[in-house]
Amino acid sequence: MVKTPRQTEGPFYPDKLPLDTDNDLILINDEITPAVGEITHLSGTVKSTAGSPVRNAVVEIWQADSDGNYIHSGSRGGGRRDANFQGYGRFLTGSTGDYYFRCIKPTPYTRRTPHIHVAVSVTGKRVLTTQCYIKGHELNAKDGILNRTPENLRDLLICDFQPIPGSETGELAARFDMVIGLTPED
């Protein structure tokens, strides 16, 4: 299997993790006010290059809120960040290698096409850092980070954000499968 291409972590991996780091980025702890944005169910499977599901992999995601602000202290939004958006989450894969997050559909911000940052760690070692992009978004063609990936591998970073049939609130689903080497050197 072809490994998922590596991409930059970017400057906005949280410099201070939020107290709530679960896989639901829409609601923080026991709050009832959800984050602003299109609710998206992001899921996928982590597999090895041999095609086996990877159990006990920690999958992390971090993304900007609907206005392009990260939870990082250096993010351009400063105090204008959506206080109801967790901005970061993690999930431990089970025996099938599956993961799941409830987040928002990413939105563009200065010089970037919409994306979600993703990292995978195995036995405490980061083995993949990459980004997930929206299929068909017009800014993909101009994004410097996406376009540094060889053209024949870009589709491995792009997923379709589709409406969930019957969702009364217009929720979306996106599937982002990843293939990893099992050591940071792979």
C-alpha atoms as a PDB file:
ATOM      1  CA  MET A   1       0.000   0.000   0.000  1.00  0.00           C
ATOM      2  CA  VAL A   2       1.157   3.550  -0.741  1.00  0.00           C
ATOM      3  CA  LYS A   3       1.955   5.596   2.367  1.00  0.00           C
ATOM      4  CA  THR A   4      -0.015   8.734   3.032  1.00  0.00           C
ATOM      5  CA  PRO A   5       2.204  11.687   2.083  1.00  0.00           C
ATOM      6  CA  ARG A   6       3.780  13.675   4.886  1.00  0.00           C
ATOM      7  CA  GLN A   7       3.081  17.372   5.148  1.00  0.00           C
ATOM      8  CA  THR A   8       4.159  20.136   7.467  1.00  0.00           C
ATOM      9  CA  GLU A   9       2.785  20.326  10.979  1.00  0.00           C
ATOM     10  CA  GLY A  10       2.431  24.038  10.419  1.00  0.00           C
ATOM     11  CA  PRO A  11       3.058  26.725  12.976  1.00  0.00           C
ATOM     12  CA  PHE A  12      -0.193  26.231  14.902  1.00  0.00           C
ATOM     13  CA  TYR A  13      -0.016  22.828  16.592  1.00  0.00           C
ATOM     14  CA  PRO A  14      -1.402  23.780  20.031  1.00  0.00           C
ATOM     15  CA  ASP A  15       1.305  25.283  22.220  1.00  0.00           C
ATOM     16  CA  LYS A  16      -0.955  24.545  25.189  1.00  0.00           C
ATOM     17  CA  LEU A  17      -3.371  21.633  24.914  1.00  0.00           C
ATOM     18  CA  PRO A  18      -6.947  22.347  25.946  1.00  0.00           C
ATOM     19  CA  LEU A  19      -8.280  20.602  29.048  1.00  0.00           C
ATOM     20  CA  ASP A  20     -10.757  18.759  26.830  1.00  0.00           C
ATOM     21  CA  THR A  21      -8.863  16.684  24.249  1.00  0.00           C
ATOM     22  CA  ASP A  22     -11.500  14.121  23.288  1.00  0.00           C
ATOM     23  CA  ASN A  23     -12.684  13.406  19.742  1.00  0.00           C
ATOM     24  CA  ASP A  24     -15.648  15.819  19.838  1.00  0.00           C
ATOM     25  CA  LEU A  25     -14.387  19.269  18.840  1.00  0.00           C
ATOM     26  CA  ILE A  26     -17.935  20.694  18.616  1.00  0.00           C
ATOM     27  CA  LEU A  27     -18.742  20.669  22.344  1.00  0.00           C
ATOM     28  CA  ILE A  28     -16.284  21.457  25.125  1.00  0.00           C
ATOM     29  CA  ASN A  29     -16.718  19.344  28.260  1.00  0.00           C
ATOM     30  CA  ASP A  30     -20.330  19.626  29.494  1.00  0.00           C
ATOM     31  CA  GLU A  31     -21.180  22.849  27.652  1.00  0.00           C
ATOM     32  CA  ILE A  32     -24.343  22.958  25.553  1.00  0.00           C
ATOM     33  CA  THR A  33     -23.375  25.697  23.079  1.00  0.00           C
ATOM     34  CA  PRO A  34     -21.777  24.124  19.998  1.00  0.00           C
ATOM     35  CA  ALA A  35     -18.986  25.556  17.890  1.00  0.00           C
ATOM     36  CA  VAL A  36     -19.852  27.658  14.841  1.00  0.00           C
ATOM     37  CA  GLY A  37     -19.521  25.785  11.541  1.00  0.00           C
ATOM     38  CA  GLU A  38     -20.786  22.870   9.501  1.00  0.00           C
ATOM     39  CA  ILE A  39     -20.676  19.810  11.730  1.00  0.00           C
ATOM     40  CA  THR A  40     -18.546  17.121  10.107  1.00  0.00           C
ATOM     41  CA  HIS A  41     -18.035  13.504  11.082  1.00  0.00           C
ATOM     42  CA  LEU A  42     -14.430  12.730  10.076  1.00  0.00           C
ATOM     43  CA  SER A  43     -13.519   9.070  10.193  1.00  0.00           C
ATOM     44  CA  GLY A  44     -11.128   6.620   8.637  1.00  0.00           C
ATOM     45  CA  THR A  45      -8.787   3.727   9.166  1.00  0.00           C
ATOM     46  CA  VAL A  46      -5.080   3.689   9.941  1.00  0.00           C
ATOM     47  CA  LYS A  47      -3.296   0.833   8.156  1.00  0.00           C
ATOM     48  CA  SER A  48       0.288  -0.286   7.808  1.00  0.00           C
ATOM     49  CA  THR A  49       2.007  -0.490   4.426  1.00  0.00           C
ATOM     50  CA  ALA A  50       1.274  -4.230   4.584  1.00  0.00           C
ATOM     51  CA  GLY A  51      -2.458  -3.416   4.712  1.00  0.00           C
ATOM     52  CA  SER A  52      -3.023  -4.425   8.347  1.00  0.00           C
ATOM     53  CA  PRO A  53      -5.101  -2.207  10.624  1.00  0.00           C
ATOM     54  CA  VAL A  54      -2.958  -0.401  13.200  1.00  0.00           C
ATOM     55  CA  ARG A  55      -4.264  -0.886  16.728  1.00  0.00           C
ATOM     56  CA  ASN A  56      -3.517   1.613  19.534  1.00  0.00           C
ATOM     57  CA  ALA A  57      -2.421   4.387  17.205  1.00  0.00           C
ATOM     58  CA  VAL A  58      -3.093   7.862  18.579  1.00  0.00           C
ATOM     59  CA  VAL A  59      -4.701  10.003  15.883  1.00  0.00           C
ATOM     60  CA  GLU A  60      -4.652  13.751  16.590  1.00  0.00           C
ATOM     61  CA  ILE A  61      -6.364  16.498  14.646  1.00  0.00           C
ATOM     62  CA  TRP A  62      -6.168  20.266  15.008  1.00  0.00           C
ATOM     63  CA  GLN A  63      -7.816  22.889  12.887  1.00  0.00           C
ATOM     64  CA  ALA A  64      -8.802  26.528  12.723  1.00  0.00           C
ATOM     65  CA  ASP A  65     -12.256  27.635  13.806  1.00  0.00           C
ATOM     66  CA  SER A  66     -14.779  28.916  11.250  1.00  0.00           C
ATOM     67  CA  ASP A  67     -12.987  32.296  11.180  1.00  0.00           C
ATOM     68  CA  GLY A  68      -9.514  30.833  10.592  1.00  0.00           C
ATOM     69  CA  ASN A  69      -8.251  31.057  14.192  1.00  0.00           C
ATOM     70  CA  TYR A  70      -6.284  28.257  15.875  1.00  0.00           C
ATOM     71  CA  ILE A  71      -6.043  27.623  19.624  1.00  0.00           C
ATOM     72  CA  HIS A  72      -2.316  28.370  19.384  1.00  0.00           C
ATOM     73  CA  SER A  73      -1.275  31.595  21.163  1.00  0.00           C
ATOM     74  CA  GLY A  74       0.340  32.903  17.956  1.00  0.00           C
ATOM     75  CA  SER A  75      -2.753  32.471  15.788  1.00  0.00           C
ATOM     76  CA  ARG A  76      -3.823  35.659  14.033  1.00  0.00           C
ATOM     77  CA  GLY A  77      -7.246  35.736  15.723  1.00  0.00           C
ATOM     78  CA  GLY A  78      -5.957  36.289  19.233  1.00  0.00           C
ATOM     79  CA  GLY A  79      -8.938  36.763  21.507  1.00  0.00           C
ATOM     80  CA  ARG A  80     -11.498  36.483  18.694  1.00  0.00           C
ATOM     81  CA  ARG A  81     -11.356  32.697  18.603  1.00  0.00           C
ATOM     82  CA  ASP A  82     -14.618  30.696  18.867  1.00  0.00           C
ATOM     83  CA  ALA A  83     -14.596  29.841  22.587  1.00  0.00           C
ATOM     84  CA  ASN A  84     -16.971  26.930  21.910  1.00  0.00           C
ATOM     85  CA  PHE A  85     -14.609  25.205  19.480  1.00  0.00           C
ATOM     86  CA  GLN A  86     -12.162  22.753  21.003  1.00  0.00           C
ATOM     87  CA  GLY A  87      -9.732  23.078  18.057  1.00  0.00           C
ATOM     88  CA  TYR A  88      -7.798  19.912  18.932  1.00  0.00           C
ATOM     89  CA  GLY A  89      -8.711  16.305  19.621  1.00  0.00           C
ATOM     90  CA  ARG A  90      -7.292  12.810  19.796  1.00  0.00           C
ATOM     91  CA  PHE A  91      -8.549   9.278  19.363  1.00  0.00           C
ATOM     92  CA  LEU A  92      -6.997   5.867  20.109  1.00  0.00           C
ATOM     93  CA  THR A  93      -7.642   3.297  17.359  1.00  0.00           C
ATOM     94  CA  GLY A  94      -9.021  -0.118  18.223  1.00  0.00           C
ATOM     95  CA  SER A  95      -8.338  -3.512  16.656  1.00  0.00           C
ATOM     96  CA  THR A  96      -9.802  -2.388  13.299  1.00  0.00           C
ATOM     97  CA  GLY A  97      -7.572   0.704  13.095  1.00  0.00           C
ATOM     98  CA  ASP A  98     -10.635   2.947  12.884  1.00  0.00           C
ATOM     99  CA  TYR A  99     -10.830   6.487  14.229  1.00  0.00           C
ATOM    100  CA  TYR A 100     -13.622   9.057  14.492  1.00  0.00           C
ATOM    101  CA  PHE A 101     -13.900  12.808  15.165  1.00  0.00           C
ATOM    102  CA  ARG A 102     -16.778  15.244  15.257  1.00  0.00           C
ATOM    103  CA  CYS A 103     -15.425  18.570  14.025  1.00  0.00           C
ATOM    104  CA  ILE A 104     -16.330  21.357  11.627  1.00  0.00           C
ATOM    105  CA  LYS A 105     -15.855  21.504   7.890  1.00  0.00           C
ATOM    106  CA  PRO A 106     -12.633  23.477   7.464  1.00  0.00           C
ATOM    107  CA  THR A 107     -12.799  26.967   6.002  1.00  0.00           C
ATOM    108  CA  PRO A 108     -10.151  28.909   4.081  1.00  0.00           C
ATOM    109  CA  TYR A 109      -8.014  31.560   5.688  1.00  0.00           C
ATOM    110  CA  THR A 110      -5.164  33.790   4.505  1.00  0.00           C
ATOM    111  CA  ARG A 111      -3.120  31.990   1.824  1.00  0.00           C
ATOM    112  CA  ARG A 112      -4.506  28.533   2.687  1.00  0.00           C
ATOM    113  CA  THR A 113      -7.128  26.254   1.256  1.00  0.00           C
ATOM    114  CA  PRO A 114      -9.414  24.591   3.839  1.00  0.00           C
ATOM    115  CA  HIS A 115      -7.646  21.735   5.659  1.00  0.00           C
ATOM    116  CA  ILE A 116      -7.458  19.707   8.856  1.00  0.00           C
ATOM    117  CA  HIS A 117      -4.075  18.832  10.343  1.00  0.00           C
ATOM    118  CA  VAL A 118      -3.652  15.157  11.226  1.00  0.00           C
ATOM    119  CA  ALA A 119      -0.924  13.312  13.098  1.00  0.00           C
ATOM    120  CA  VAL A 120      -0.523   9.633  13.950  1.00  0.00           C
ATOM    121  CA  SER A 121       1.668   8.262  16.726  1.00  0.00           C
ATOM    122  CA  VAL A 122       2.482   4.633  17.463  1.00  0.00           C
ATOM    123  CA  THR A 123       4.031   3.583  20.790  1.00  0.00           C
ATOM    124  CA  GLY A 124       4.556   7.236  21.659  1.00  0.00           C
ATOM    125  CA  LYS A 125       6.425   8.124  18.448  1.00  0.00           C
ATOM    126  CA  ARG A 126       4.989  10.402  15.751  1.00  0.00           C
ATOM    127  CA  VAL A 127       5.042   8.419  12.500  1.00  0.00           C
ATOM    128  CA  LEU A 128       2.944  10.702  10.293  1.00  0.00           C
ATOM    129  CA  THR A 129       2.013  14.356  10.143  1.00  0.00           C
ATOM    130  CA  THR A 130      -0.159  15.408   7.239  1.00  0.00           C
ATOM    131  CA  GLN A 131      -3.194  17.448   6.232  1.00  0.00           C
ATOM    132  CA  CYS A 132      -6.636  16.528   4.912  1.00  0.00           C
ATOM    133  CA  TYR A 133      -8.213  18.680   2.188  1.00  0.00           C
ATOM    134  CA  ILE A 134     -11.695  19.125   0.689  1.00  0.00           C
ATOM    135  CA  LYS A 135     -12.247  17.474  -2.673  1.00  0.00           C
ATOM    136  CA  GLY A 136     -12.996  19.981  -5.424  1.00  0.00           C
ATOM    137  CA  HIS A 137     -12.291  23.133  -3.420  1.00  0.00           C
ATOM    138  CA  GLU A 138     -11.195  25.893  -5.810  1.00  0.00           C
ATOM    139  CA  LEU A 139      -8.302  27.016  -3.568  1.00  0.00           C
ATOM    140  CA  ASN A 140      -6.625  23.590  -3.703  1.00  0.00           C
ATOM    141  CA  ALA A 141      -4.989  24.507  -7.015  1.00  0.00           C
ATOM    142  CA  LYS A 142      -3.295  27.544  -5.424  1.00  0.00           C
ATOM    143  CA  ASP A 143      -2.282  26.079  -2.044  1.00  0.00           C
ATOM    144  CA  GLY A 144       1.503  25.994  -1.718  1.00  0.00           C
ATOM    145  CA  ILE A 145       1.589  23.204   0.861  1.00  0.00           C
ATOM    146  CA  LEU A 146      -0.806  20.893  -0.981  1.00  0.00           C
ATOM    147  CA  ASN A 147       0.990  21.529  -4.269  1.00  0.00           C
ATOM    148  CA  ARG A 148       4.388  20.541  -2.831  1.00  0.00           C
ATOM    149  CA  THR A 149       3.034  16.994  -2.750  1.00  0.00           C
ATOM    150  CA  PRO A 150       3.648  15.149  -6.025  1.00  0.00           C
ATOM    151  CA  GLU A 151       0.559  15.355  -8.194  1.00  0.00           C
ATOM    152  CA  ASN A 152       0.168  11.559  -8.355  1.00  0.00           C
ATOM    153  CA  LEU A 153      -0.121  11.424  -4.514  1.00  0.00           C
ATOM    154  CA  ARG A 154      -2.407  14.422  -3.852  1.00  0.00           C
ATOM    155  CA  ASP A 155      -5.602  12.368  -4.049  1.00  0.00           C
ATOM    156  CA  LEU A 156      -4.408  10.517  -0.924  1.00  0.00           C
ATOM    157  CA  LEU A 157      -4.816  13.812   0.989  1.00  0.00           C
ATOM    158  CA  ILE A 158      -8.178  14.850  -0.427  1.00  0.00           C
ATOM    159  CA  CYS A 159     -11.529  13.606   0.814  1.00  0.00           C
ATOM    160  CA  ASP A 160     -15.123  14.203  -0.110  1.00  0.00           C
ATOM    161  CA  PHE A 161     -17.250  16.076   2.440  1.00  0.00           C
ATOM    162  CA  GLN A 162     -20.740  14.741   1.723  1.00  0.00           C
ATOM    163  CA  PRO A 163     -24.112  15.576   3.317  1.00  0.00           C
ATOM    164  CA  ILE A 164     -25.373  12.817   5.611  1.00  0.00           C
ATOM    165  CA  PRO A 165     -28.688  11.565   4.220  1.00  0.00           C
ATOM    166  CA  GLY A 166     -31.565  12.434   6.535  1.00  0.00           C
ATOM    167  CA  SER A 167     -29.548  14.827   8.717  1.00  0.00           C
ATOM    168  CA  GLU A 168     -31.941  17.541   9.879  1.00  0.00           C
ATOM    169  CA  THR A 169     -29.052  19.902  10.677  1.00  0.00           C
ATOM    170  CA  GLY A 170     -27.068  19.473   7.436  1.00  0.00           C
ATOM    171  CA  GLU A 171     -24.220  17.466   8.980  1.00  0.00           C
ATOM    172  CA  LEU A 172     -21.447  16.165   6.727  1.00  0.00           C
ATOM    173  CA  ALA A 173     -19.340  13.020   6.625  1.00  0.00           C
ATOM    174  CA  ALA A 174     -15.768  12.737   5.364  1.00  0.00           C
ATOM    175  CA  ARG A 175     -13.532   9.675   5.236  1.00  0.00           C
ATOM    176  CA  PHE A 176      -9.756  10.040   5.431  1.00  0.00           C
ATOM    177  CA  ASP A 177      -7.911   6.700   5.424  1.00  0.00           C
ATOM    178  CA  MET A 178      -4.193   6.718   6.167  1.00  0.00           C
ATOM    179  CA  VAL A 179      -1.352   4.295   5.460  1.00  0.00           C
ATOM    180  CA  ILE A 180       1.665   4.644   7.713  1.00  0.00           C
ATOM    181  CA  GLY A 181       5.111   3.237   8.247  1.00  0.00           C
ATOM    182  CA  LEU A 182       5.362   1.884  11.761  1.00  0.00           C
ATOM    183  CA  THR A 183       8.470   3.845  12.718  1.00  0.00           C
ATOM    184  CA  PRO A 184       9.284   7.547  12.283  1.00  0.00           C
ATOM    185  CA  GLU A 185      11.951   6.561   9.730  1.00  0.00           C
ATOM    186  CA  ASP A 186       9.456   4.732   7.466  1.00  0.00           C
END
